[in-house]
Amino acid sequence: MAGLAGPSPQTHAARIVPLLFTEALNGRTALMRDDKAQAILPTAGLGTDYSDRYLDASEASLCRAAG
């Protein structure tokens, strides 16, 4: 099934493996990569302020549910 809905395993490896060993990434933050080895950047508006509000609301909801 690999390669039918996307790049072949060989193509994917050719794109990704060089990223795993490049000196250029030393000291840089970890970023997720897509199937073309392009960085997946954070969505604007979903920063720490949003995540803090979301986690606080989730925790409050769990506390109410637990009684």
N, C-alpha and C. Protein backbone atom coordinates (compact mmCIF):
# COMPACT_ATOMS: atom_id res chain seq x y z
N MET A 1 0.81 -1.20 0.00
CA MET A 1 0.00 0.00 0.00
C MET A 1 0.86 1.26 0.00
N ALA A 2 2.06 1.18 0.53
CA ALA A 2 2.92 2.37 0.54
C ALA A 2 3.20 2.81 -0.88
N GLY A 3 3.07 4.09 -1.11
CA GLY A 3 3.34 4.62 -2.43
C GLY A 3 2.11 4.76 -3.29
N LEU A 4 1.00 4.15 -2.92
CA LEU A 4 -0.21 4.26 -3.73
C LEU A 4 -0.90 5.61 -3.55
N ALA A 5 -0.96 6.08 -2.32
CA ALA A 5 -1.64 7.35 -2.04
C ALA A 5 -0.67 8.49 -1.79
N GLY A 6 0.59 8.26 -2.00
CA GLY A 6 1.60 9.29 -1.76
C GLY A 6 2.90 8.87 -2.41
N PRO A 7 3.98 9.48 -1.97
CA PRO A 7 5.27 9.14 -2.57
C PRO A 7 5.69 7.71 -2.22
N SER A 8 6.50 7.15 -3.04
CA SER A 8 7.01 5.80 -2.76
C SER A 8 7.92 5.87 -1.53
N PRO A 9 8.14 4.72 -0.89
CA PRO A 9 9.06 4.72 0.26
C PRO A 9 10.45 5.26 -0.10
N GLN A 10 10.91 4.97 -1.30
CA GLN A 10 12.23 5.45 -1.73
C GLN A 10 12.24 6.97 -1.86
N THR A 11 11.18 7.53 -2.45
CA THR A 11 11.08 8.99 -2.60
C THR A 11 11.00 9.66 -1.24
N HIS A 12 10.17 9.10 -0.35
CA HIS A 12 10.04 9.66 0.99
C HIS A 12 11.38 9.63 1.72
N ALA A 13 12.07 8.50 1.65
CA ALA A 13 13.37 8.38 2.31
C ALA A 13 14.38 9.36 1.73
N ALA A 14 14.36 9.53 0.41
CA ALA A 14 15.30 10.46 -0.23
C ALA A 14 15.08 11.89 0.24
N ARG A 15 13.84 12.22 0.60
CA ARG A 15 13.53 13.57 1.07
C ARG A 15 13.82 13.75 2.56
N ILE A 16 13.53 12.73 3.35
CA ILE A 16 13.58 12.85 4.80
C ILE A 16 14.95 12.53 5.41
N VAL A 17 15.59 11.47 4.93
CA VAL A 17 16.85 11.02 5.55
C VAL A 17 17.90 12.13 5.61
N PRO A 18 18.09 12.92 4.56
CA PRO A 18 19.10 14.00 4.68
C PRO A 18 18.80 14.97 5.82
N LEU A 19 17.52 15.17 6.14
CA LEU A 19 17.17 16.06 7.25
C LEU A 19 17.61 15.50 8.59
N LEU A 20 17.65 14.20 8.70
CA LEU A 20 18.00 13.58 9.98
C LEU A 20 19.47 13.75 10.34
N PHE A 21 20.30 14.00 9.34
CA PHE A 21 21.74 14.03 9.57
C PHE A 21 22.41 15.36 9.21
N THR A 22 21.63 16.36 8.86
CA THR A 22 22.23 17.62 8.44
C THR A 22 22.74 18.43 9.63
N GLU A 23 23.91 18.99 9.47
CA GLU A 23 24.50 19.86 10.50
C GLU A 23 23.73 21.18 10.61
N ALA A 24 23.03 21.56 9.55
CA ALA A 24 22.32 22.84 9.52
C ALA A 24 21.21 22.92 10.57
N LEU A 25 20.75 21.79 11.07
CA LEU A 25 19.66 21.79 12.04
C LEU A 25 20.15 21.84 13.48
N ASN A 26 21.44 21.73 13.71
CA ASN A 26 21.97 21.79 15.08
C ASN A 26 21.59 23.11 15.73
N GLY A 27 21.04 23.03 16.93
CA GLY A 27 20.67 24.23 17.66
C GLY A 27 19.34 24.84 17.26
N ARG A 28 18.63 24.22 16.34
CA ARG A 28 17.33 24.75 15.91
C ARG A 28 16.23 23.96 16.59
N THR A 29 15.08 24.57 16.70
CA THR A 29 13.95 23.89 17.33
C THR A 29 13.43 22.79 16.42
N ALA A 30 12.82 21.81 17.03
CA ALA A 30 12.25 20.70 16.25
C ALA A 30 10.97 21.16 15.58
N LEU A 31 10.85 20.85 14.31
CA LEU A 31 9.64 21.13 13.56
C LEU A 31 9.16 19.84 12.93
N MET A 32 7.86 19.70 12.85
CA MET A 32 7.33 18.55 12.12
C MET A 32 7.52 18.82 10.63
N ARG A 33 7.63 17.76 9.87
CA ARG A 33 7.84 17.86 8.42
C ARG A 33 6.74 17.12 7.69
N ASP A 34 6.34 17.64 6.53
CA ASP A 34 5.34 16.97 5.72
C ASP A 34 6.01 15.93 4.81
N ASP A 35 5.23 15.34 3.92
CA ASP A 35 5.76 14.28 3.07
C ASP A 35 6.74 14.77 2.01
N LYS A 36 6.87 16.09 1.87
CA LYS A 36 7.86 16.66 0.95
C LYS A 36 9.04 17.28 1.70
N ALA A 37 9.15 16.96 2.99
CA ALA A 37 10.22 17.43 3.87
C ALA A 37 10.16 18.93 4.12
N GLN A 38 9.00 19.53 3.92
CA GLN A 38 8.82 20.95 4.21
C GLN A 38 8.34 21.11 5.65
N ALA A 39 8.81 22.15 6.32
CA ALA A 39 8.41 22.38 7.71
C ALA A 39 6.92 22.66 7.81
N ILE A 40 6.28 22.08 8.82
CA ILE A 40 4.89 22.37 9.13
C ILE A 40 4.92 23.41 10.23
N LEU A 41 4.56 24.62 9.90
CA LEU A 41 4.66 25.74 10.84
C LEU A 41 3.40 25.84 11.69
N PRO A 42 3.51 26.42 12.88
CA PRO A 42 2.34 26.56 13.74
C PRO A 42 1.28 27.44 13.09
N THR A 43 0.03 27.15 13.40
CA THR A 43 -1.08 27.93 12.90
C THR A 43 -1.16 29.25 13.67
N ALA A 44 -1.29 30.35 12.94
CA ALA A 44 -1.42 31.66 13.59
C ALA A 44 -2.65 31.66 14.49
N GLY A 45 -2.55 32.20 15.68
CA GLY A 45 -3.67 32.27 16.61
C GLY A 45 -3.75 31.08 17.55
N LEU A 46 -2.92 30.08 17.35
CA LEU A 46 -2.95 28.92 18.24
C LEU A 46 -1.68 28.86 19.08
N GLY A 47 -1.31 29.99 19.63
CA GLY A 47 -0.10 30.08 20.45
C GLY A 47 -0.35 29.65 21.87
N THR A 48 0.57 30.00 22.74
CA THR A 48 0.48 29.56 24.14
C THR A 48 -0.71 30.18 24.87
N ASP A 49 -1.12 31.40 24.49
CA ASP A 49 -2.28 32.02 25.13
C ASP A 49 -3.52 31.17 24.88
N TYR A 50 -3.71 30.75 23.64
CA TYR A 50 -4.85 29.90 23.30
C TYR A 50 -4.76 28.55 24.01
N SER A 51 -3.60 27.92 23.95
CA SER A 51 -3.48 26.59 24.56
C SER A 51 -3.66 26.66 26.08
N ASP A 52 -3.19 27.72 26.71
CA ASP A 52 -3.39 27.88 28.16
C ASP A 52 -4.88 27.99 28.49
N ARG A 53 -5.62 28.79 27.71
CA ARG A 53 -7.07 28.91 27.93
C ARG A 53 -7.76 27.58 27.71
N TYR A 54 -7.37 26.86 26.66
CA TYR A 54 -7.97 25.57 26.33
C TYR A 54 -7.71 24.55 27.45
N LEU A 55 -6.47 24.47 27.91
CA LEU A 55 -6.13 23.51 28.96
C LEU A 55 -6.81 23.87 30.28
N ASP A 56 -6.89 25.16 30.61
CA ASP A 56 -7.57 25.58 31.83
C ASP A 56 -9.05 25.19 31.79
N ALA A 57 -9.70 25.43 30.65
CA ALA A 57 -11.11 25.07 30.50
C ALA A 57 -11.30 23.55 30.55
N SER A 58 -10.38 22.81 29.94
CA SER A 58 -10.47 21.35 29.97
C SER A 58 -10.32 20.82 31.39
N GLU A 59 -9.38 21.37 32.12
CA GLU A 59 -9.16 20.93 33.49
C GLU A 59 -10.38 21.24 34.35
N ALA A 60 -10.96 22.43 34.18
CA ALA A 60 -12.16 22.79 34.95
C ALA A 60 -13.31 21.85 34.62
N SER A 61 -13.45 21.49 33.35
CA SER A 61 -14.50 20.57 32.93
C SER A 61 -14.32 19.18 33.56
N LEU A 62 -13.07 18.71 33.58
CA LEU A 62 -12.80 17.41 34.19
C LEU A 62 -13.07 17.43 35.69
N CYS A 63 -12.72 18.53 36.35
CA CYS A 63 -12.99 18.66 37.79
C CYS A 63 -14.49 18.64 38.07
N ARG A 64 -15.28 19.32 37.23
CA ARG A 64 -16.74 19.32 37.40
C ARG A 64 -17.30 17.91 37.17
N ALA A 65 -16.79 17.22 36.17
CA ALA A 65 -17.28 15.87 35.85
C ALA A 65 -16.92 14.88 36.96
N ALA A 66 -15.75 15.07 37.57
CA ALA A 66 -15.31 14.15 38.61
C ALA A 66 -16.03 14.42 39.93
N GLY A 67 -16.64 15.60 40.01
CA GLY A 67 -17.42 15.94 41.20
C GLY A 67 -16.59 16.43 42.29
